[in-house]
All heavy atoms as atom14 arrays in JSON, in Angstrom:
{
  "sequence": "GEAAFTEAETSHTNAFSMAVSRLAGGGAYKMPLNDQLFMI",
  "atom14_mask": [
    [1, 1, 1, 1, 0, 0, 0, 0, 0, 0, 0, 0, 0, 0],
    [1, 1, 1, 1, 1, 1, 1, 1, 1, 0, 0, 0, 0, 0],
    [1, 1, 1, 1, 1, 0, 0, 0, 0, 0, 0, 0, 0, 0],
    [1, 1, 1, 1, 1, 0, 0, 0, 0, 0, 0, 0, 0, 0],
    [1, 1, 1, 1, 1, 1, 1, 1, 1, 1, 1, 0, 0, 0],
    [1, 1, 1, 1, 1, 1, 1, 0, 0, 0, 0, 0, 0, 0],
    [1, 1, 1, 1, 1, 1, 1, 1, 1, 0, 0, 0, 0, 0],
    [1, 1, 1, 1, 1, 0, 0, 0, 0, 0, 0, 0, 0, 0],
    [1, 1, 1, 1, 1, 1, 1, 1, 1, 0, 0, 0, 0, 0],
    [1, 1, 1, 1, 1, 1, 1, 0, 0, 0, 0, 0, 0, 0],
    [1, 1, 1, 1, 1, 1, 0, 0, 0, 0, 0, 0, 0, 0],
    [1, 1, 1, 1, 1, 1, 1, 1, 1, 1, 0, 0, 0, 0],
    [1, 1, 1, 1, 1, 1, 1, 0, 0, 0, 0, 0, 0, 0],
    [1, 1, 1, 1, 1, 1, 1, 1, 0, 0, 0, 0, 0, 0],
    [1, 1, 1, 1, 1, 0, 0, 0, 0, 0, 0, 0, 0, 0],
    [1, 1, 1, 1, 1, 1, 1, 1, 1, 1, 1, 0, 0, 0],
    [1, 1, 1, 1, 1, 1, 0, 0, 0, 0, 0, 0, 0, 0],
    [1, 1, 1, 1, 1, 1, 1, 1, 0, 0, 0, 0, 0, 0],
    [1, 1, 1, 1, 1, 0, 0, 0, 0, 0, 0, 0, 0, 0],
    [1, 1, 1, 1, 1, 1, 1, 0, 0, 0, 0, 0, 0, 0],
    [1, 1, 1, 1, 1, 1, 0, 0, 0, 0, 0, 0, 0, 0],
    [1, 1, 1, 1, 1, 1, 1, 1, 1, 1, 1, 0, 0, 0],
    [1, 1, 1, 1, 1, 1, 1, 1, 0, 0, 0, 0, 0, 0],
    [1, 1, 1, 1, 1, 0, 0, 0, 0, 0, 0, 0, 0, 0],
    [1, 1, 1, 1, 0, 0, 0, 0, 0, 0, 0, 0, 0, 0],
    [1, 1, 1, 1, 0, 0, 0, 0, 0, 0, 0, 0, 0, 0],
    [1, 1, 1, 1, 0, 0, 0, 0, 0, 0, 0, 0, 0, 0],
    [1, 1, 1, 1, 1, 0, 0, 0, 0, 0, 0, 0, 0, 0],
    [1, 1, 1, 1, 1, 1, 1, 1, 1, 1, 1, 1, 0, 0],
    [1, 1, 1, 1, 1, 1, 1, 1, 1, 0, 0, 0, 0, 0],
    [1, 1, 1, 1, 1, 1, 1, 1, 0, 0, 0, 0, 0, 0],
    [1, 1, 1, 1, 1, 1, 1, 0, 0, 0, 0, 0, 0, 0],
    [1, 1, 1, 1, 1, 1, 1, 1, 0, 0, 0, 0, 0, 0],
    [1, 1, 1, 1, 1, 1, 1, 1, 0, 0, 0, 0, 0, 0],
    [1, 1, 1, 1, 1, 1, 1, 1, 0, 0, 0, 0, 0, 0],
    [1, 1, 1, 1, 1, 1, 1, 1, 1, 0, 0, 0, 0, 0],
    [1, 1, 1, 1, 1, 1, 1, 1, 0, 0, 0, 0, 0, 0],
    [1, 1, 1, 1, 1, 1, 1, 1, 1, 1, 1, 0, 0, 0],
    [1, 1, 1, 1, 1, 1, 1, 1, 0, 0, 0, 0, 0, 0],
    [1, 1, 1, 1, 1, 1, 1, 1, 0, 0, 0, 0, 0, 0]
  ],
  "atom14_positions": [
    [[10.28, -13.87, 10.87], [11.19, -14.91, 10.64], [12.47, -14.42, 9.98], [12.46, -13.49, 9.26], [0.0, 0.0, 0.0], [0.0, 0.0, 0.0], [0.0, 0.0, 0.0], [0.0, 0.0, 0.0], [0.0, 0.0, 0.0], [0.0, 0.0, 0.0], [0.0, 0.0, 0.0], [0.0, 0.0, 0.0], [0.0, 0.0, 0.0], [0.0, 0.0, 0.0]],
    [[13.61, -15.2, 10.12], [14.87, -14.77, 9.5], [14.76, -14.82, 8.01], [15.38, -13.96, 7.36], [15.97, -15.85, 9.94], [16.33, -15.65, 11.36], [17.5, -16.55, 11.8], [18.35, -16.79, 10.99], [17.56, -16.94, 13.0], [0.0, 0.0, 0.0], [0.0, 0.0, 0.0], [0.0, 0.0, 0.0], [0.0, 0.0, 0.0], [0.0, 0.0, 0.0]],
    [[13.95, -15.65, 7.41], [13.76, -15.78, 6.02], [13.2, -14.46, 5.38], [13.57, -14.04, 4.32], [12.87, -16.94, 5.59], [0.0, 0.0, 0.0], [0.0, 0.0, 0.0], [0.0, 0.0, 0.0], [0.0, 0.0, 0.0], [0.0, 0.0, 0.0], [0.0, 0.0, 0.0], [0.0, 0.0, 0.0], [0.0, 0.0, 0.0], [0.0, 0.0, 0.0]],
    [[12.32, -13.8, 6.21], [11.72, -12.52, 5.72], [12.85, -11.45, 5.52], [12.8, -10.73, 4.56], [10.64, -12.06, 6.69], [0.0, 0.0, 0.0], [0.0, 0.0, 0.0], [0.0, 0.0, 0.0], [0.0, 0.0, 0.0], [0.0, 0.0, 0.0], [0.0, 0.0, 0.0], [0.0, 0.0, 0.0], [0.0, 0.0, 0.0], [0.0, 0.0, 0.0]],
    [[13.77, -11.44, 6.51], [14.86, -10.41, 6.31], [15.79, -10.69, 5.18], [16.27, -9.91, 4.5], [15.64, -10.35, 7.71], [14.91, -9.71, 8.78], [14.11, -10.45, 9.67], [15.0, -8.35, 9.01], [13.51, -9.84, 10.69], [14.34, -7.7, 10.0], [13.56, -8.49, 10.89], [0.0, 0.0, 0.0], [0.0, 0.0, 0.0], [0.0, 0.0, 0.0]],
    [[16.06, -12.04, 5.03], [16.98, -12.48, 3.89], [16.34, -12.2, 2.57], [17.02, -11.66, 1.7], [17.27, -13.96, 3.99], [17.82, -14.27, 5.31], [18.15, -14.37, 2.86], [0.0, 0.0, 0.0], [0.0, 0.0, 0.0], [0.0, 0.0, 0.0], [0.0, 0.0, 0.0], [0.0, 0.0, 0.0], [0.0, 0.0, 0.0], [0.0, 0.0, 0.0]],
    [[15.03, -12.46, 2.47], [14.32, -12.18, 1.22], [14.25, -10.69, 0.92], [14.22, -10.28, -0.21], [12.96, -12.8, 1.25], [12.97, -14.39, 1.17], [11.68, -15.01, 1.5], [10.67, -14.21, 1.62], [11.59, -16.3, 1.73], [0.0, 0.0, 0.0], [0.0, 0.0, 0.0], [0.0, 0.0, 0.0], [0.0, 0.0, 0.0], [0.0, 0.0, 0.0]],
    [[14.11, -9.9, 1.98], [13.87, -8.46, 1.72], [15.14, -7.84, 1.13], [15.06, -6.87, 0.44], [13.61, -7.75, 3.08], [0.0, 0.0, 0.0], [0.0, 0.0, 0.0], [0.0, 0.0, 0.0], [0.0, 0.0, 0.0], [0.0, 0.0, 0.0], [0.0, 0.0, 0.0], [0.0, 0.0, 0.0], [0.0, 0.0, 0.0], [0.0, 0.0, 0.0]],
    [[16.32, -8.46, 1.35], [17.57, -7.96, 0.82], [17.75, -8.15, -0.62], [18.62, -7.68, -1.3], [18.73, -8.39, 1.61], [18.79, -7.94, 3.03], [20.1, -8.16, 3.71], [21.05, -8.59, 3.02], [20.22, -7.95, 4.86], [0.0, 0.0, 0.0], [0.0, 0.0, 0.0], [0.0, 0.0, 0.0], [0.0, 0.0, 0.0], [0.0, 0.0, 0.0]],
    [[16.83, -9.02, -1.24], [16.89, -9.17, -2.69], [15.73, -8.44, -3.45], [15.5, -8.72, -4.57], [16.76, -10.75, -2.95], [15.51, -11.19, -2.58], [17.87, -11.44, -2.32], [0.0, 0.0, 0.0], [0.0, 0.0, 0.0], [0.0, 0.0, 0.0], [0.0, 0.0, 0.0], [0.0, 0.0, 0.0], [0.0, 0.0, 0.0], [0.0, 0.0, 0.0]],
    [[15.04, -7.62, -2.64], [14.03, -6.79, -3.24], [13.92, -5.52, -2.49], [14.63, -5.22, -1.54], [12.67, -7.6, -3.06], [12.33, -7.86, -1.76], [0.0, 0.0, 0.0], [0.0, 0.0, 0.0], [0.0, 0.0, 0.0], [0.0, 0.0, 0.0], [0.0, 0.0, 0.0], [0.0, 0.0, 0.0], [0.0, 0.0, 0.0], [0.0, 0.0, 0.0]],
    [[13.07, -4.63, -2.98], [12.81, -3.35, -2.32], [11.42, -2.84, -2.59], [10.72, -3.39, -3.51], [13.89, -2.34, -2.86], [13.7, -2.02, -4.25], [14.03, -2.86, -5.29], [13.25, -0.88, -4.89], [13.77, -2.28, -6.42], [13.29, -1.07, -6.24], [0.0, 0.0, 0.0], [0.0, 0.0, 0.0], [0.0, 0.0, 0.0], [0.0, 0.0, 0.0]],
    [[11.02, -1.84, -2.02], [9.63, -1.33, -2.14], [9.61, -0.56, -3.44], [10.51, 0.05, -3.85], [9.34, -0.28, -1.0], [9.43, -0.98, 0.25], [7.93, 0.21, -1.2], [0.0, 0.0, 0.0], [0.0, 0.0, 0.0], [0.0, 0.0, 0.0], [0.0, 0.0, 0.0], [0.0, 0.0, 0.0], [0.0, 0.0, 0.0], [0.0, 0.0, 0.0]],
    [[8.51, -0.68, -4.15], [8.3, 0.1, -5.37], [6.87, 0.73, -5.37], [6.17, 0.5, -4.45], [8.49, -0.81, -6.66], [7.65, -2.08, -6.57], [6.57, -2.04, -6.08], [8.27, -3.19, -7.1], [0.0, 0.0, 0.0], [0.0, 0.0, 0.0], [0.0, 0.0, 0.0], [0.0, 0.0, 0.0], [0.0, 0.0, 0.0], [0.0, 0.0, 0.0]],
    [[6.56, 1.36, -6.49], [5.26, 2.08, -6.5], [4.09, 1.06, -6.39], [3.08, 1.33, -5.77], [5.18, 2.82, -7.81], [0.0, 0.0, 0.0], [0.0, 0.0, 0.0], [0.0, 0.0, 0.0], [0.0, 0.0, 0.0], [0.0, 0.0, 0.0], [0.0, 0.0, 0.0], [0.0, 0.0, 0.0], [0.0, 0.0, 0.0], [0.0, 0.0, 0.0]],
    [[4.29, -0.08, -7.02], [3.14, -1.07, -7.02], [2.95, -1.54, -5.55], [1.78, -1.69, -5.09], [3.47, -2.26, -7.84], [2.46, -3.43, -7.84], [1.29, -3.3, -8.45], [2.81, -4.55, -7.06], [0.38, -4.35, -8.35], [1.89, -5.54, -6.99], [0.6, -5.47, -7.66], [0.0, 0.0, 0.0], [0.0, 0.0, 0.0], [0.0, 0.0, 0.0]],
    [[4.05, -1.9, -4.79], [3.81, -2.49, -3.52], [3.24, -1.38, -2.53], [2.5, -1.64, -1.57], [5.21, -2.98, -2.85], [6.13, -1.97, -2.85], [0.0, 0.0, 0.0], [0.0, 0.0, 0.0], [0.0, 0.0, 0.0], [0.0, 0.0, 0.0], [0.0, 0.0, 0.0], [0.0, 0.0, 0.0], [0.0, 0.0, 0.0], [0.0, 0.0, 0.0]],
    [[3.61, -0.1, -2.8], [3.08, 0.93, -1.99], [1.59, 1.16, -2.26], [0.77, 1.34, -1.25], [3.78, 2.27, -2.29], [5.24, 2.32, -1.79], [6.01, 3.79, -2.31], [5.11, 5.05, -1.29], [0.0, 0.0, 0.0], [0.0, 0.0, 0.0], [0.0, 0.0, 0.0], [0.0, 0.0, 0.0], [0.0, 0.0, 0.0], [0.0, 0.0, 0.0]],
    [[1.12, 0.89, -3.53], [-0.22, 1.03, -3.81], [-1.09, -0.11, -3.22], [-2.16, 0.12, -2.56], [-0.43, 0.96, -5.35], [0.0, 0.0, 0.0], [0.0, 0.0, 0.0], [0.0, 0.0, 0.0], [0.0, 0.0, 0.0], [0.0, 0.0, 0.0], [0.0, 0.0, 0.0], [0.0, 0.0, 0.0], [0.0, 0.0, 0.0], [0.0, 0.0, 0.0]],
    [[-0.49, -1.37, -3.28], [-1.17, -2.48, -2.57], [-1.25, -2.22, -1.08], [-2.23, -2.54, -0.46], [-0.35, -3.74, -2.83], [-0.86, -4.9, -2.02], [-0.36, -4.04, -4.36], [0.0, 0.0, 0.0], [0.0, 0.0, 0.0], [0.0, 0.0, 0.0], [0.0, 0.0, 0.0], [0.0, 0.0, 0.0], [0.0, 0.0, 0.0], [0.0, 0.0, 0.0]],
    [[-0.21, -1.72, -0.45], [-0.25, -1.43, 0.96], [-1.3, -0.4, 1.37], [-2.0, -0.56, 2.34], [1.17, -0.93, 1.44], [2.13, -1.87, 1.29], [0.0, 0.0, 0.0], [0.0, 0.0, 0.0], [0.0, 0.0, 0.0], [0.0, 0.0, 0.0], [0.0, 0.0, 0.0], [0.0, 0.0, 0.0], [0.0, 0.0, 0.0], [0.0, 0.0, 0.0]],
    [[-1.49, 0.55, 0.51], [-2.62, 1.58, 0.79], [-3.87, 0.89, 0.71], [-4.83, 1.13, 1.47], [-2.47, 2.66, -0.27], [-1.25, 3.62, -0.03], [-1.42, 4.86, -0.85], [-0.33, 5.76, -0.56], [0.77, 5.86, -1.34], [0.94, 4.99, -2.34], [1.74, 6.71, -1.08], [0.0, 0.0, 0.0], [0.0, 0.0, 0.0], [0.0, 0.0, 0.0]],
    [[-4.17, 0.05, -0.32], [-5.4, -0.6, -0.47], [-5.69, -1.55, 0.74], [-6.8, -1.65, 1.27], [-5.48, -1.46, -1.76], [-5.5, -0.6, -3.11], [-5.35, -1.52, -4.24], [-6.76, 0.19, -3.13], [0.0, 0.0, 0.0], [0.0, 0.0, 0.0], [0.0, 0.0, 0.0], [0.0, 0.0, 0.0], [0.0, 0.0, 0.0], [0.0, 0.0, 0.0]],
    [[-4.58, -2.26, 1.15], [-4.79, -3.14, 2.28], [-5.15, -2.47, 3.56], [-5.83, -2.93, 4.41], [-3.41, -3.97, 2.49], [0.0, 0.0, 0.0], [0.0, 0.0, 0.0], [0.0, 0.0, 0.0], [0.0, 0.0, 0.0], [0.0, 0.0, 0.0], [0.0, 0.0, 0.0], [0.0, 0.0, 0.0], [0.0, 0.0, 0.0], [0.0, 0.0, 0.0]],
    [[-4.7, -1.19, 3.62], [-5.02, -0.41, 4.81], [-6.25, 0.43, 4.68], [-6.47, 1.34, 5.46], [0.0, 0.0, 0.0], [0.0, 0.0, 0.0], [0.0, 0.0, 0.0], [0.0, 0.0, 0.0], [0.0, 0.0, 0.0], [0.0, 0.0, 0.0], [0.0, 0.0, 0.0], [0.0, 0.0, 0.0], [0.0, 0.0, 0.0], [0.0, 0.0, 0.0]],
    [[-7.07, 0.1, 3.71], [-8.36, 0.75, 3.55], [-8.17, 2.2, 3.06], [-9.02, 3.13, 3.45], [0.0, 0.0, 0.0], [0.0, 0.0, 0.0], [0.0, 0.0, 0.0], [0.0, 0.0, 0.0], [0.0, 0.0, 0.0], [0.0, 0.0, 0.0], [0.0, 0.0, 0.0], [0.0, 0.0, 0.0], [0.0, 0.0, 0.0], [0.0, 0.0, 0.0]],
    [[-7.08, 2.43, 2.33], [-6.93, 3.83, 1.77], [-5.82, 4.52, 2.6], [-5.21, 5.52, 2.08], [0.0, 0.0, 0.0], [0.0, 0.0, 0.0], [0.0, 0.0, 0.0], [0.0, 0.0, 0.0], [0.0, 0.0, 0.0], [0.0, 0.0, 0.0], [0.0, 0.0, 0.0], [0.0, 0.0, 0.0], [0.0, 0.0, 0.0], [0.0, 0.0, 0.0]],
    [[-5.65, 4.21, 3.84], [-4.53, 4.81, 4.62], [-3.19, 4.17, 4.28], [-3.23, 2.95, 4.08], [-4.89, 4.72, 6.2], [0.0, 0.0, 0.0], [0.0, 0.0, 0.0], [0.0, 0.0, 0.0], [0.0, 0.0, 0.0], [0.0, 0.0, 0.0], [0.0, 0.0, 0.0], [0.0, 0.0, 0.0], [0.0, 0.0, 0.0], [0.0, 0.0, 0.0]],
    [[-2.14, 4.88, 4.38], [-0.82, 4.3, 3.99], [-0.37, 3.44, 5.1], [-0.4, 3.69, 6.26], [0.18, 5.4, 3.81], [1.58, 4.88, 3.52], [1.91, 4.29, 2.35], [2.51, 4.91, 4.51], [3.06, 3.77, 2.08], [3.82, 4.43, 4.35], [4.1, 3.85, 3.06], [5.35, 3.33, 2.84], [0.0, 0.0, 0.0], [0.0, 0.0, 0.0]],
    [[0.03, 2.25, 4.74], [0.63, 1.25, 5.49], [2.01, 0.91, 5.08], [2.14, 0.55, 3.89], [-0.22, 0.0, 5.59], [0.35, -1.11, 6.6], [-0.54, -2.34, 6.48], [0.0, -3.44, 7.41], [-0.83, -4.66, 7.2], [0.0, 0.0, 0.0], [0.0, 0.0, 0.0], [0.0, 0.0, 0.0], [0.0, 0.0, 0.0], [0.0, 0.0, 0.0]],
    [[3.01, 1.1, 5.92], [4.41, 0.86, 5.45], [4.56, -0.52, 4.94], [4.24, -1.6, 5.54], [5.41, 1.07, 6.62], [6.89, 0.97, 6.18], [8.02, 1.2, 7.52], [7.86, 2.95, 7.83], [0.0, 0.0, 0.0], [0.0, 0.0, 0.0], [0.0, 0.0, 0.0], [0.0, 0.0, 0.0], [0.0, 0.0, 0.0], [0.0, 0.0, 0.0]],
    [[5.07, -0.74, 3.69], [5.34, -2.09, 3.16], [6.24, -2.9, 4.05], [7.12, -2.39, 4.78], [6.06, -1.81, 1.84], [5.55, -0.34, 1.44], [5.5, 0.29, 2.75], [0.0, 0.0, 0.0], [0.0, 0.0, 0.0], [0.0, 0.0, 0.0], [0.0, 0.0, 0.0], [0.0, 0.0, 0.0], [0.0, 0.0, 0.0], [0.0, 0.0, 0.0]],
    [[6.07, -4.25, 3.99], [6.85, -5.09, 4.96], [8.28, -4.87, 4.71], [9.09, -4.89, 5.77], [6.48, -6.56, 4.65], [7.29, -7.61, 5.49], [7.05, -7.33, 6.98], [6.86, -8.97, 5.05], [0.0, 0.0, 0.0], [0.0, 0.0, 0.0], [0.0, 0.0, 0.0], [0.0, 0.0, 0.0], [0.0, 0.0, 0.0], [0.0, 0.0, 0.0]],
    [[8.9, -4.79, 3.56], [10.23, -4.7, 3.33], [10.77, -3.41, 3.98], [11.92, -3.38, 4.62], [10.59, -4.59, 1.8], [10.57, -5.94, 1.2], [10.32, -6.93, 1.78], [10.71, -6.0, -0.13], [0.0, 0.0, 0.0], [0.0, 0.0, 0.0], [0.0, 0.0, 0.0], [0.0, 0.0, 0.0], [0.0, 0.0, 0.0], [0.0, 0.0, 0.0]],
    [[10.04, -2.31, 3.92], [10.47, -1.1, 4.63], [10.45, -1.28, 6.08], [11.34, -0.74, 6.82], [9.55, 0.06, 4.22], [9.8, 0.46, 2.7], [10.68, -0.11, 2.1], [9.03, 1.4, 2.35], [0.0, 0.0, 0.0], [0.0, 0.0, 0.0], [0.0, 0.0, 0.0], [0.0, 0.0, 0.0], [0.0, 0.0, 0.0], [0.0, 0.0, 0.0]],
    [[9.46, -2.0, 6.62], [9.4, -2.27, 8.09], [10.63, -3.03, 8.5], [11.27, -2.76, 9.6], [8.13, -3.14, 8.39], [6.84, -2.38, 8.16], [5.69, -3.27, 8.55], [5.65, -3.95, 9.53], [4.67, -3.28, 7.68], [0.0, 0.0, 0.0], [0.0, 0.0, 0.0], [0.0, 0.0, 0.0], [0.0, 0.0, 0.0], [0.0, 0.0, 0.0]],
    [[10.98, -4.02, 7.68], [12.19, -4.9, 8.04], [13.4, -4.08, 8.01], [14.37, -4.24, 8.84], [12.27, -6.11, 7.07], [11.1, -7.01, 7.11], [11.27, -8.16, 6.11], [10.9, -7.67, 8.53], [0.0, 0.0, 0.0], [0.0, 0.0, 0.0], [0.0, 0.0, 0.0], [0.0, 0.0, 0.0], [0.0, 0.0, 0.0], [0.0, 0.0, 0.0]],
    [[13.51, -3.14, 6.99], [14.72, -2.27, 6.93], [14.81, -1.35, 8.17], [15.97, -1.24, 8.71], [14.65, -1.4, 5.71], [15.79, -0.39, 5.6], [17.1, -0.84, 5.18], [15.66, 0.89, 6.04], [18.11, 0.04, 5.17], [16.72, 1.81, 6.01], [17.96, 1.38, 5.58], [0.0, 0.0, 0.0], [0.0, 0.0, 0.0], [0.0, 0.0, 0.0]],
    [[13.71, -0.88, 8.58], [13.7, 0.0, 9.87], [14.1, -0.82, 11.1], [14.7, -0.27, 11.97], [12.36, 0.72, 9.96], [12.07, 1.7, 8.88], [13.34, 2.88, 8.51], [13.44, 3.73, 10.18], [0.0, 0.0, 0.0], [0.0, 0.0, 0.0], [0.0, 0.0, 0.0], [0.0, 0.0, 0.0], [0.0, 0.0, 0.0], [0.0, 0.0, 0.0]],
    [[13.63, -2.05, 11.11], [14.0, -2.9, 12.3], [15.52, -3.08, 12.33], [16.18, -2.97, 13.4], [13.26, -4.28, 12.15], [11.75, -4.03, 12.44], [13.86, -5.23, 13.2], [10.97, -5.25, 12.09], [0.0, 0.0, 0.0], [0.0, 0.0, 0.0], [0.0, 0.0, 0.0], [0.0, 0.0, 0.0], [0.0, 0.0, 0.0], [0.0, 0.0, 0.0]]
  ]
}
């Protein structure tokens, strides 16, 4: 959604979100949503 891109510009990935992403991926690194949106 457009709102996701707009909200991403007021935040950025940090160590905490990277850790959460790793846990969500079962230990494997999963790119945080904000980083995915930046790459798009």
